[in-house]
């Protein structure tokens, strides 16, 4: 009774459906391979990005260290310059205040 409902093996519709199923399975396999390739490429890109980020962190840390060293050197030169200018200003102020008396003392001392 159930055999009457099954199509005959020579029915072209069965072959057509089998071909369609085969094509779909092949497409599905190809799609899976493409997805796997894309996932692999994504992992590579993420790894490259991570490595680039690590290099940038190291470079930034080195740059901060060099900047800190440079600023330290500049602070030293600024302090030295400030002391030199202060000493010169002090000497000039001393001469401005005591100059005439020092000149008189010098002339008296050396008999000029």
PDB file of N, CA and C in Angstrom:
ATOM      1  N   UNK A   1       0.814  -1.181   0.000  1.00  0.00           N
ATOM      2  CA  UNK A   1       0.000   0.000   0.000  1.00  0.00           C
ATOM      3  C   UNK A   1       0.861   1.250   0.000  1.00  0.00           C
ATOM      4  N   UNK A   2       1.920   1.298   0.806  1.00  0.00           N
ATOM      5  CA  UNK A   2       2.791   2.446   0.848  1.00  0.00           C
ATOM      6  C   UNK A   2       3.691   2.522  -0.361  1.00  0.00           C
ATOM      7  N   UNK A   3       3.901   1.385  -1.015  1.00  0.00           N
ATOM      8  CA  UNK A   3       4.780   1.377  -2.173  1.00  0.00           C
ATOM      9  C   UNK A   3       4.185   2.138  -3.338  1.00  0.00           C
ATOM     10  N   UNK A   4       2.927   2.240  -3.365  1.00  0.00           N
ATOM     11  CA  UNK A   4       2.283   2.931  -4.471  1.00  0.00           C
ATOM     12  C   UNK A   4       2.522   4.441  -4.382  1.00  0.00           C
ATOM     13  N   UNK A   5       2.786   4.934  -3.173  1.00  0.00           N
ATOM     14  CA  UNK A   5       3.003   6.367  -3.008  1.00  0.00           C
ATOM     15  C   UNK A   5       4.422   6.792  -3.390  1.00  0.00           C
ATOM     16  N   UNK A   6       5.388   5.879  -3.334  1.00  0.00           N
ATOM     17  CA  UNK A   6       6.768   6.209  -3.663  1.00  0.00           C
ATOM     18  C   UNK A   6       6.918   6.373  -5.168  1.00  0.00           C
ATOM     19  N   UNK A   7       7.681   7.359  -5.610  1.00  0.00           N
ATOM     20  CA  UNK A   7       7.888   7.511  -7.046  1.00  0.00           C
ATOM     21  C   UNK A   7       8.814   6.418  -7.564  1.00  0.00           C
ATOM     22  N   UNK A   8       8.733   6.159  -8.802  1.00  0.00           N
ATOM     23  CA  UNK A   8       9.564   5.116  -9.395  1.00  0.00           C
ATOM     24  C   UNK A   8      11.002   5.623  -9.478  1.00  0.00           C
ATOM     25  N   UNK A   9      11.999   4.715  -9.432  1.00  0.00           N
ATOM     26  CA  UNK A   9      13.394   5.128  -9.486  1.00  0.00           C
ATOM     27  C   UNK A   9      13.747   5.845 -10.782  1.00  0.00           C
ATOM     28  N   UNK A  10      12.981   5.694 -11.772  1.00  0.00           N
ATOM     29  CA  UNK A  10      13.270   6.331 -13.047  1.00  0.00           C
ATOM     30  C   UNK A  10      12.705   7.741 -13.116  1.00  0.00           C
ATOM     31  N   UNK A  11      12.062   8.178 -12.050  1.00  0.00           N
ATOM     32  CA  UNK A  11      11.437   9.501 -12.041  1.00  0.00           C
ATOM     33  C   UNK A  11      12.534  10.569 -12.074  1.00  0.00           C
ATOM     34  N   UNK A  12      12.454  11.499 -12.999  1.00  0.00           N
ATOM     35  CA  UNK A  12      13.484  12.527 -13.161  1.00  0.00           C
ATOM     36  C   UNK A  12      13.459  13.548 -12.028  1.00  0.00           C
ATOM     37  N   UNK A  13      12.348  13.665 -11.353  1.00  0.00           N
ATOM     38  CA  UNK A  13      12.275  14.619 -10.241  1.00  0.00           C
ATOM     39  C   UNK A  13      13.208  14.219  -9.111  1.00  0.00           C
ATOM     40  N   UNK A  14      13.333  12.911  -8.886  1.00  0.00           N
ATOM     41  CA  UNK A  14      14.234  12.442  -7.819  1.00  0.00           C
ATOM     42  C   UNK A  14      15.670  12.815  -8.169  1.00  0.00           C
ATOM     43  N   UNK A  15      16.075  12.598  -9.390  1.00  0.00           N
ATOM     44  CA  UNK A  15      17.432  12.957  -9.809  1.00  0.00           C
ATOM     45  C   UNK A  15      17.660  14.462  -9.675  1.00  0.00           C
ATOM     46  N   UNK A  16      16.654  15.231 -10.057  1.00  0.00           N
ATOM     47  CA  UNK A  16      16.766  16.684  -9.955  1.00  0.00           C
ATOM     48  C   UNK A  16      16.941  17.117  -8.503  1.00  0.00           C
ATOM     49  N   UNK A  17      16.145  16.540  -7.609  1.00  0.00           N
ATOM     50  CA  UNK A  17      16.255  16.874  -6.180  1.00  0.00           C
ATOM     51  C   UNK A  17      17.606  16.435  -5.622  1.00  0.00           C
ATOM     52  N   UNK A  18      18.069  15.266  -6.024  1.00  0.00           N
ATOM     53  CA  UNK A  18      19.374  14.793  -5.548  1.00  0.00           C
ATOM     54  C   UNK A  18      20.492  15.718  -6.030  1.00  0.00           C
ATOM     55  N   UNK A  19      20.383  16.166  -7.270  1.00  0.00           N
ATOM     56  CA  UNK A  19      21.389  17.092  -7.790  1.00  0.00           C
ATOM     57  C   UNK A  19      21.357  18.415  -7.022  1.00  0.00           C
ATOM     58  N   UNK A  20      20.170  18.896  -6.757  1.00  0.00           N
ATOM     59  CA  UNK A  20      20.049  20.148  -6.000  1.00  0.00           C
ATOM     60  C   UNK A  20      20.632  19.992  -4.598  1.00  0.00           C
ATOM     61  N   UNK A  21      20.323  18.869  -3.971  1.00  0.00           N
ATOM     62  CA  UNK A  21      20.858  18.611  -2.625  1.00  0.00           C
ATOM     63  C   UNK A  21      22.382  18.537  -2.685  1.00  0.00           C
ATOM     64  N   UNK A  22      22.930  17.872  -3.675  1.00  0.00           N
ATOM     65  CA  UNK A  22      24.392  17.770  -3.814  1.00  0.00           C
ATOM     66  C   UNK A  22      25.018  19.149  -4.000  1.00  0.00           C
ATOM     67  N   UNK A  23      24.406  19.966  -4.853  1.00  0.00           N
ATOM     68  CA  UNK A  23      24.921  21.315  -5.081  1.00  0.00           C
ATOM     69  C   UNK A  23      24.860  22.131  -3.798  1.00  0.00           C
ATOM     70  N   UNK A  24      23.756  22.029  -3.078  1.00  0.00           N
ATOM     71  CA  UNK A  24      23.627  22.766  -1.816  1.00  0.00           C
ATOM     72  C   UNK A  24      24.662  22.305  -0.792  1.00  0.00           C
ATOM     73  N   UNK A  25      24.895  20.990  -0.730  1.00  0.00           N
ATOM     74  CA  UNK A  25      25.901  20.483   0.205  1.00  0.00           C
ATOM     75  C   UNK A  25      27.295  20.971  -0.177  1.00  0.00           C
ATOM     76  N   UNK A  26      27.589  21.012  -1.478  1.00  0.00           N
ATOM     77  CA  UNK A  26      28.891  21.506  -1.926  1.00  0.00           C
ATOM     78  C   UNK A  26      29.034  22.996  -1.611  1.00  0.00           C
ATOM     79  N   UNK A  27      27.967  23.749  -1.855  1.00  0.00           N
ATOM     80  CA  UNK A  27      28.000  25.176  -1.523  1.00  0.00           C
ATOM     81  C   UNK A  27      28.184  25.382  -0.029  1.00  0.00           C
ATOM     82  N   UNK A  28      27.512  24.544   0.742  1.00  0.00           N
ATOM     83  CA  UNK A  28      27.620  24.643   2.201  1.00  0.00           C
ATOM     84  C   UNK A  28      29.053  24.348   2.638  1.00  0.00           C
ATOM     85  N   UNK A  29      29.657  23.329   2.053  1.00  0.00           N
ATOM     86  CA  UNK A  29      31.042  22.994   2.382  1.00  0.00           C
ATOM     87  C   UNK A  29      31.975  24.137   1.979  1.00  0.00           C
ATOM     88  N   UNK A  30      31.762  24.695   0.796  1.00  0.00           N
ATOM     89  CA  UNK A  30      32.596  25.810   0.337  1.00  0.00           C
ATOM     90  C   UNK A  30      32.418  27.019   1.248  1.00  0.00           C
ATOM     91  N   UNK A  31      31.187  27.268   1.656  1.00  0.00           N
ATOM     92  CA  UNK A  31      30.917  28.387   2.553  1.00  0.00           C
ATOM     93  C   UNK A  31      31.617  28.179   3.892  1.00  0.00           C
ATOM     94  N   UNK A  32      31.582  26.958   4.390  1.00  0.00           N
ATOM     95  CA  UNK A  32      32.271  26.668   5.662  1.00  0.00           C
ATOM     96  C   UNK A  32      33.772  26.887   5.519  1.00  0.00           C
ATOM     97  N   UNK A  33      34.320  26.496   4.381  1.00  0.00           N
ATOM     98  CA  UNK A  33      35.751  26.702   4.160  1.00  0.00           C
ATOM     99  C   UNK A  33      36.073  28.193   4.087  1.00  0.00           C
ATOM    100  N   UNK A  34      35.214  28.950   3.428  1.00  0.00           N
ATOM    101  CA  UNK A  34      35.420  30.394   3.355  1.00  0.00           C
ATOM    102  C   UNK A  34      35.323  31.027   4.735  1.00  0.00           C
ATOM    103  N   UNK A  35      34.365  30.568   5.524  1.00  0.00           N
ATOM    104  CA  UNK A  35      34.217  31.087   6.893  1.00  0.00           C
ATOM    105  C   UNK A  35      35.461  30.758   7.707  1.00  0.00           C
ATOM    106  N   UNK A  36      35.962  29.525   7.574  1.00  0.00           N
ATOM    107  CA  UNK A  36      37.170  29.138   8.305  1.00  0.00           C
ATOM    108  C   UNK A  36      38.357  29.998   7.875  1.00  0.00           C
ATOM    109  N   UNK A  37      38.468  30.264   6.567  1.00  0.00           N
ATOM    110  CA  UNK A  37      39.563  31.108   6.080  1.00  0.00           C
ATOM    111  C   UNK A  37      39.427  32.530   6.614  1.00  0.00           C
ATOM    112  N   UNK A  38      38.204  33.050   6.634  1.00  0.00           N
ATOM    113  CA  UNK A  38      37.981  34.395   7.173  1.00  0.00           C
ATOM    114  C   UNK A  38      38.294  34.459   8.661  1.00  0.00           C
ATOM    115  N   UNK A  39      37.901  33.414   9.396  1.00  0.00           N
ATOM    116  CA  UNK A  39      38.199  33.386  10.827  1.00  0.00           C
ATOM    117  C   UNK A  39      39.706  33.344  11.059  1.00  0.00           C
ATOM    118  N   UNK A  40      40.409  32.560  10.245  1.00  0.00           N
ATOM    119  CA  UNK A  40      41.863  32.485  10.366  1.00  0.00           C
ATOM    120  C   UNK A  40      42.495  33.843  10.075  1.00  0.00           C
ATOM    121  N   UNK A  41      42.016  34.509   9.039  1.00  0.00           N
ATOM    122  CA  UNK A  41      42.537  35.840   8.703  1.00  0.00           C
ATOM    123  C   UNK A  41      42.236  36.842   9.820  1.00  0.00           C
ATOM    124  N   UNK A  42      41.044  36.727  10.408  1.00  0.00           N
ATOM    125  CA  UNK A  42      40.679  37.604  11.517  1.00  0.00           C
ATOM    126  C   UNK A  42      41.624  37.403  12.694  1.00  0.00           C
ATOM    127  N   UNK A  43      41.947  36.159  12.991  1.00  0.00           N
ATOM    128  CA  UNK A  43      42.884  35.869  14.084  1.00  0.00           C
ATOM    129  C   UNK A  43      44.252  36.475  13.768  1.00  0.00           C
ATOM    130  N   UNK A  44      44.688  36.354  12.509  1.00  0.00           N
ATOM    131  CA  UNK A  44      45.976  36.935  12.125  1.00  0.00           C
ATOM    132  C   UNK A  44      45.969  38.453  12.293  1.00  0.00           C
ATOM    133  N   UNK A  45      44.891  39.076  11.847  1.00  0.00           N
ATOM    134  CA  UNK A  45      44.798  40.537  11.953  1.00  0.00           C
ATOM    135  C   UNK A  45      44.764  40.964  13.417  1.00  0.00           C
ATOM    136  N   UNK A  46      44.010  40.229  14.229  1.00  0.00           N
ATOM    137  CA  UNK A  46      43.948  40.569  15.656  1.00  0.00           C
ATOM    138  C   UNK A  46      45.317  40.403  16.305  1.00  0.00           C
ATOM    139  N   UNK A  47      46.035  39.346  15.924  1.00  0.00           N
ATOM    140  CA  UNK A  47      47.371  39.127  16.478  1.00  0.00           C
ATOM    141  C   UNK A  47      48.312  40.253  16.058  1.00  0.00           C
ATOM    142  N   UNK A  48      48.239  40.631  14.779  1.00  0.00           N
ATOM    143  CA  UNK A  48      49.072  41.744  14.310  1.00  0.00           C
ATOM    144  C   UNK A  48      48.733  43.029  15.055  1.00  0.00           C
ATOM    145  N   UNK A  49      47.452  43.266  15.261  1.00  0.00           N
ATOM    146  CA  UNK A  49      47.032  44.465  15.996  1.00  0.00           C
ATOM    147  C   UNK A  49      47.533  44.448  17.426  1.00  0.00           C
ATOM    148  N   UNK A  50      47.457  43.284  18.051  1.00  0.00           N
ATOM    149  CA  UNK A  50      47.940  43.160  19.424  1.00  0.00           C
ATOM    150  C   UNK A  50      49.443  43.415  19.483  1.00  0.00           C
ATOM    151  N   UNK A  51      50.182  42.833  18.532  1.00  0.00           N
ATOM    152  CA  UNK A  51      51.629  43.032  18.512  1.00  0.00           C
ATOM    153  C   UNK A  51      51.961  44.497  18.244  1.00  0.00           C
ATOM    154  N   UNK A  52      51.222  45.118  17.343  1.00  0.00           N
ATOM    155  CA  UNK A  52      51.449  46.538  17.049  1.00  0.00           C
ATOM    156  C   UNK A  52      51.161  47.373  18.295  1.00  0.00           C
ATOM    157  N   UNK A  53      50.097  47.034  19.004  1.00  0.00           N
ATOM    158  CA  UNK A  53      49.768  47.757  20.231  1.00  0.00           C
ATOM    159  C   UNK A  53      50.855  47.608  21.276  1.00  0.00           C
ATOM    160  N   UNK A  54      51.401  46.389  21.395  1.00  0.00           N
ATOM    161  CA  UNK A  54      52.486  46.179  22.357  1.00  0.00           C
ATOM    162  C   UNK A  54      53.720  46.993  21.966  1.00  0.00           C
ATOM    163  N   UNK A  55      54.026  47.017  20.657  1.00  0.00           N
ATOM    164  CA  UNK A  55      55.172  47.819  20.211  1.00  0.00           C
ATOM    165  C   UNK A  55      54.935  49.294  20.490  1.00  0.00           C
ATOM    166  N   UNK A  56      53.714  49.743  20.268  1.00  0.00           N
ATOM    167  CA  UNK A  56      53.409  51.146  20.529  1.00  0.00           C
ATOM    168  C   UNK A  56      53.528  51.453  22.017  1.00  0.00           C
ATOM    169  N   UNK A  57      53.114  50.501  22.862  1.00  0.00           N
ATOM    170  CA  UNK A  57      53.255  50.710  24.306  1.00  0.00           C
ATOM    171  C   UNK A  57      54.726  50.841  24.689  1.00  0.00           C
ATOM    172  N   UNK A  58      55.558  49.958  24.131  1.00  0.00           N
ATOM    173  CA  UNK A  58      56.997  50.013  24.429  1.00  0.00           C
ATOM    174  C   UNK A  58      57.586  51.321  23.910  1.00  0.00           C
ATOM    175  N   UNK A  59      57.219  51.685  22.678  1.00  0.00           N
ATOM    176  CA  UNK A  59      57.735  52.940  22.113  1.00  0.00           C
ATOM    177  C   UNK A  59      57.287  54.141  22.931  1.00  0.00           C
ATOM    178  N   UNK A  60      56.034  54.129  23.363  1.00  0.00           N
ATOM    179  CA  UNK A  60      55.523  55.239  24.165  1.00  0.00           C
ATOM    180  C   UNK A  60      56.246  55.314  25.504  1.00  0.00           C
ATOM    181  N   UNK A  61      56.495  54.155  26.124  1.00  0.00           N
ATOM    182  CA  UNK A  61      57.217  54.133  27.398  1.00  0.00           C
ATOM    183  C   UNK A  61      58.640  54.673  27.207  1.00  0.00           C
ATOM    184  N   UNK A  62      59.302  54.264  26.113  1.00  0.00           N
ATOM    185  CA  UNK A  62      60.648  54.776  25.832  1.00  0.00           C
ATOM    186  C   UNK A  62      60.620  56.277  25.582  1.00  0.00           C
ATOM    187  N   UNK A  63      59.626  56.726  24.829  1.00  0.00           N
ATOM    188  CA  UNK A  63      59.510  58.158  24.540  1.00  0.00           C
ATOM    189  C   UNK A  63      59.277  58.957  25.818  1.00  0.00           C
ATOM    190  N   UNK A  64      58.440  58.433  26.705  1.00  0.00           N
ATOM    191  CA  UNK A  64      58.210  59.120  27.982  1.00  0.00           C
ATOM    192  C   UNK A  64      59.495  59.182  28.798  1.00  0.00           C
ATOM    193  N   UNK A  65      60.272  58.091  28.782  1.00  0.00           N
ATOM    194  CA  UNK A  65      61.544  58.086  29.502  1.00  0.00           C
ATOM    195  C   UNK A  65      62.519  59.105  28.939  1.00  0.00           C
ATOM    196  N   UNK A  66      62.617  59.155  27.606  1.00  0.00           N
ATOM    197  CA  UNK A  66      63.515  60.141  26.985  1.00  0.00           C
ATOM    198  C   UNK A  66      63.049  61.560  27.277  1.00  0.00           C
ATOM    199  N   UNK A  67      61.740  61.779  27.243  1.00  0.00           N
ATOM    200  CA  UNK A  67      61.209  63.113  27.541  1.00  0.00           C
ATOM    201  C   UNK A  67      61.513  63.499  28.979  1.00  0.00           C
ATOM    202  N   UNK A  68      61.346  62.538  29.899  1.00  0.00           N
ATOM    203  CA  UNK A  68      61.635  62.803  31.307  1.00  0.00           C
ATOM    204  C   UNK A  68      63.115  63.136  31.491  1.00  0.00           C
ATOM    205  N   UNK A  69      64.000  62.380  30.818  1.00  0.00           N
ATOM    206  CA  UNK A  69      65.435  62.656  30.913  1.00  0.00           C
ATOM    207  C   UNK A  69      65.774  64.025  30.332  1.00  0.00           C
ATOM    208  N   UNK A  70      65.170  64.333  29.199  1.00  0.00           N
ATOM    209  CA  UNK A  70      65.420  65.631  28.565  1.00  0.00           C
ATOM    210  C   UNK A  70      64.942  66.775  29.451  1.00  0.00           C
ATOM    211  N   UNK A  71      63.759  66.614  30.031  1.00  0.00           N
ATOM    212  CA  UNK A  71      63.245  67.661  30.917  1.00  0.00           C
ATOM    213  C   UNK A  71      64.105  67.797  32.163  1.00  0.00           C
ATOM    214  N   UNK A  72      64.640  66.669  32.650  1.00  0.00           N
ATOM    215  CA  UNK A  72      65.547  66.734  33.794  1.00  0.00           C
ATOM    216  C   UNK A  72      66.811  67.507  33.452  1.00  0.00           C
ATOM    217  N   UNK A  73      67.366  67.246  32.259  1.00  0.00           N
ATOM    218  CA  UNK A  73      68.546  67.997  31.820  1.00  0.00           C
ATOM    219  C   UNK A  73      68.240  69.464  31.636  1.00  0.00           C
ATOM    220  N   UNK A  74      67.076  69.751  31.076  1.00  0.00           N
ATOM    221  CA  UNK A  74      66.694  71.149  30.887  1.00  0.00           C
ATOM    222  C   UNK A  74      66.493  71.834  32.234  1.00  0.00           C
ATOM    223  N   UNK A  75      65.962  71.120  33.207  1.00  0.00           N
ATOM    224  CA  UNK A  75      65.773  71.703  34.536  1.00  0.00           C
ATOM    225  C   UNK A  75      67.134  72.027  35.159  1.00  0.00           C
ATOM    226  N   UNK A  76      68.120  71.136  34.941  1.00  0.00           N
ATOM    227  CA  UNK A  76      69.461  71.405  35.462  1.00  0.00           C
ATOM    228  C   UNK A  76      70.038  72.674  34.834  1.00  0.00           C
ATOM    229  N   UNK A  77      69.953  72.776  33.493  1.00  0.00           N
ATOM    230  CA  UNK A  77      70.489  73.960  32.822  1.00  0.00           C
ATOM    231  C   UNK A  77      69.727  75.218  33.210  1.00  0.00           C
ATOM    232  N   UNK A  78      68.444  75.093  33.429  1.00  0.00           N
ATOM    233  CA  UNK A  78      67.661  76.256  33.860  1.00  0.00           C
ATOM    234  C   UNK A  78      68.127  76.709  35.244  1.00  0.00           C
ATOM    235  N   UNK A  79      68.340  75.747  36.143  1.00  0.00           N
ATOM    236  CA  UNK A  79      68.803  76.101  37.484  1.00  0.00           C
ATOM    237  C   UNK A  79      70.200  76.722  37.425  1.00  0.00           C
ATOM    238  N   UNK A  80      71.085  76.135  36.605  1.00  0.00           N
ATOM    239  CA  UNK A  80      72.440  76.690  36.484  1.00  0.00           C
ATOM    240  C   UNK A  80      72.392  78.094  35.892  1.00  0.00           C
ATOM    241  N   UNK A  81      71.578  78.299  34.883  1.00  0.00           N
ATOM    242  CA  UNK A  81      71.442  79.619  34.272  1.00  0.00           C
ATOM    243  C   UNK A  81      70.870  80.617  35.275  1.00  0.00           C
ATOM    244  N   UNK A  82      69.892  80.182  36.054  1.00  0.00           N
ATOM    245  CA  UNK A  82      69.292  81.063  37.062  1.00  0.00           C
ATOM    246  C   UNK A  82      70.340  81.481  38.089  1.00  0.00           C
ATOM    247  N   UNK A  83      71.153  80.525  38.544  1.00  0.00           N
ATOM    248  CA  UNK A  83      72.207  80.851  39.498  1.00  0.00           C
ATOM    249  C   UNK A  83      73.231  81.806  38.882  1.00  0.00           C
ATOM    250  N   UNK A  84      73.616  81.560  37.623  1.00  0.00           N
ATOM    251  CA  UNK A  84      74.605  82.431  36.972  1.00  0.00           C
ATOM    252  C   UNK A  84      74.057  83.845  36.801  1.00  0.00           C
ATOM    253  N   UNK A  85      72.822  83.952  36.364  1.00  0.00           N
ATOM    254  CA  UNK A  85      72.213  85.276  36.200  1.00  0.00           C
ATOM    255  C   UNK A  85      72.068  85.958  37.555  1.00  0.00           C
ATOM    256  N   UNK A  86      71.692  85.198  38.571  1.00  0.00           N
ATOM    257  CA  UNK A  86      71.563  85.766  39.915  1.00  0.00           C
ATOM    258  C   UNK A  86      72.894  86.263  40.446  1.00  0.00           C
ATOM    259  N   UNK A  87      73.960  85.474  40.228  1.00  0.00           N
ATOM    260  CA  UNK A  87      75.287  85.895  40.689  1.00  0.00           C
ATOM    261  C   UNK A  87      75.752  87.139  39.935  1.00  0.00           C
ATOM    262  N   UNK A  88      75.533  87.159  38.617  1.00  0.00           N
ATOM    263  CA  UNK A  88      75.922  88.338  37.831  1.00  0.00           C
ATOM    264  C   UNK A  88      75.113  89.556  38.262  1.00  0.00           C
ATOM    265  N   UNK A  89      73.828  89.366  38.486  1.00  0.00           N
ATOM    266  CA  UNK A  89      72.988  90.487  38.932  1.00  0.00           C
ATOM    267  C   UNK A  89      73.439  90.969  40.301  1.00  0.00           C
ATOM    268  N   UNK A  90      73.766  90.034  41.179  1.00  0.00           N
ATOM    269  CA  UNK A  90      74.259  90.417  42.504  1.00  0.00           C
ATOM    270  C   UNK A  90      75.552  91.205  42.415  1.00  0.00           C
ATOM    271  N   UNK A  91      76.471  90.751  41.550  1.00  0.00           N
ATOM    272  CA  UNK A  91      77.735  91.474  41.382  1.00  0.00           C
ATOM    273  C   UNK A  91      77.489  92.871  40.829  1.00  0.00           C
ATOM    274  N   UNK A  92      76.599  92.976  39.841  1.00  0.00           N
ATOM    275  CA  UNK A  92      76.293  94.293  39.275  1.00  0.00           C
ATOM    276  C   UNK A  92      75.615  95.204  40.292  1.00  0.00           C
ATOM    277  N   UNK A  93      74.739  94.657  41.089  1.00  0.00           N
ATOM    278  CA  UNK A  93      74.079  95.461  42.126  1.00  0.00           C
ATOM    279  C   UNK A  93      75.103  95.920  43.161  1.00  0.00           C
ATOM    280  N   UNK A  94      76.011  95.010  43.545  1.00  0.00           N
ATOM    281  CA  UNK A  94      77.058  95.369  44.502  1.00  0.00           C
ATOM    282  C   UNK A  94      77.923  96.500  43.950  1.00  0.00           C
ATOM    283  N   UNK A  95      78.300  96.378  42.675  1.00  0.00           N
ATOM    284  CA  UNK A  95      79.119  97.433  42.054  1.00  0.00           C
ATOM    285  C   UNK A  95      78.331  98.730  41.942  1.00  0.00           C
ATOM    286  N   UNK A  96      77.059  98.628  41.619  1.00  0.00           N
ATOM    287  CA  UNK A  96      76.245  99.844  41.489  1.00  0.00           C
ATOM    288  C   UNK A  96      76.121 100.557  42.824  1.00  0.00           C
ATOM    289  N   UNK A  97      76.004  99.801  43.892  1.00  0.00           N
ATOM    290  CA  UNK A  97      75.839 100.422  45.210  1.00  0.00           C
ATOM    291  C   UNK A  97      77.182 100.926  45.740  1.00  0.00           C
ATOM    292  N   UNK A  98      78.196 100.083  45.694  1.00  0.00           N
ATOM    293  CA  UNK A  98      79.475 100.405  46.309  1.00  0.00           C
ATOM    294  C   UNK A  98      80.537 100.848  45.309  1.00  0.00           C
ATOM    295  N   UNK A  99      80.195 101.015  44.055  1.00  0.00           N
ATOM    296  CA  UNK A  99      81.176 101.336  43.014  1.00  0.00           C
ATOM    297  C   UNK A  99      82.036 102.551  43.293  1.00  0.00           C
ATOM    298  N   UNK A 100      81.447 103.710  43.554  1.00  0.00           N
ATOM    299  CA  UNK A 100      82.290 104.901  43.790  1.00  0.00           C
ATOM    300  C   UNK A 100      83.208 104.730  44.993  1.00  0.00           C
ATOM    301  N   UNK A 101      82.714 104.138  46.062  1.00  0.00           N
ATOM    302  CA  UNK A 101      83.553 103.951  47.257  1.00  0.00           C
ATOM    303  C   UNK A 101      84.652 102.938  46.980  1.00  0.00           C
ATOM    304  N   UNK A 102      84.334 101.880  46.202  1.00  0.00           N
ATOM    305  CA  UNK A 102      85.357 100.894  45.856  1.00  0.00           C
ATOM    306  C   UNK A 102      86.429 101.514  44.968  1.00  0.00           C
ATOM    307  N   UNK A 103      86.010 102.368  44.039  1.00  0.00           N
ATOM    308  CA  UNK A 103      86.969 103.027  43.161  1.00  0.00           C
ATOM    309  C   UNK A 103      87.890 103.949  43.962  1.00  0.00           C
ATOM    310  N   UNK A 104      87.316 104.663  44.900  1.00  0.00           N
ATOM    311  CA  UNK A 104      88.121 105.533  45.770  1.00  0.00           C
ATOM    312  C   UNK A 104      89.076 104.696  46.603  1.00  0.00           C
ATOM    313  N   UNK A 105      88.603 103.600  47.175  1.00  0.00           N
ATOM    314  CA  UNK A 105      89.451 102.703  47.959  1.00  0.00           C
ATOM    315  C   UNK A 105      90.581 102.154  47.105  1.00  0.00           C
ATOM    316  N   UNK A 106      90.293 101.765  45.887  1.00  0.00           N
ATOM    317  CA  UNK A 106      91.305 101.204  44.978  1.00  0.00           C
ATOM    318  C   UNK A 106      92.389 102.242  44.670  1.00  0.00           C
ATOM    319  N   UNK A 107      91.970 103.450  44.419  1.00  0.00           N
ATOM    320  CA  UNK A 107      92.944 104.506  44.101  1.00  0.00           C
ATOM    321  C   UNK A 107      93.814 104.821  45.322  1.00  0.00           C
ATOM    322  N   UNK A 108      93.204 104.878  46.488  1.00  0.00           N
ATOM    323  CA  UNK A 108      93.975 105.146  47.703  1.00  0.00           C
ATOM    324  C   UNK A 108      94.924 103.991  48.011  1.00  0.00           C
ATOM    325  N   UNK A 109      94.499 102.809  47.835  1.00  0.00           N
ATOM    326  CA  UNK A 109      95.293 101.623  48.165  1.00  0.00           C
ATOM    327  C   UNK A 109      96.498 101.496  47.244  1.00  0.00           C
ATOM    328  N   UNK A 110      96.297 101.779  45.967  1.00  0.00           N
ATOM    329  CA  UNK A 110      97.374 101.603  44.991  1.00  0.00           C
ATOM    330  C   UNK A 110      98.083 102.912  44.658  1.00  0.00           C
ATOM    331  N   UNK A 111      97.662 103.972  45.216  1.00  0.00           N
ATOM    332  CA  UNK A 111      98.326 105.254  45.011  1.00  0.00           C
ATOM    333  C   UNK A 111      98.186 105.784  43.599  1.00  0.00           C
ATOM    334  N   UNK A 112      97.080 105.519  42.995  1.00  0.00           N
ATOM    335  CA  UNK A 112      96.872 105.991  41.624  1.00  0.00           C
ATOM    336  C   UNK A 112      96.329 107.386  41.638  1.00  0.00           C
TER     337      UNK A 112
END
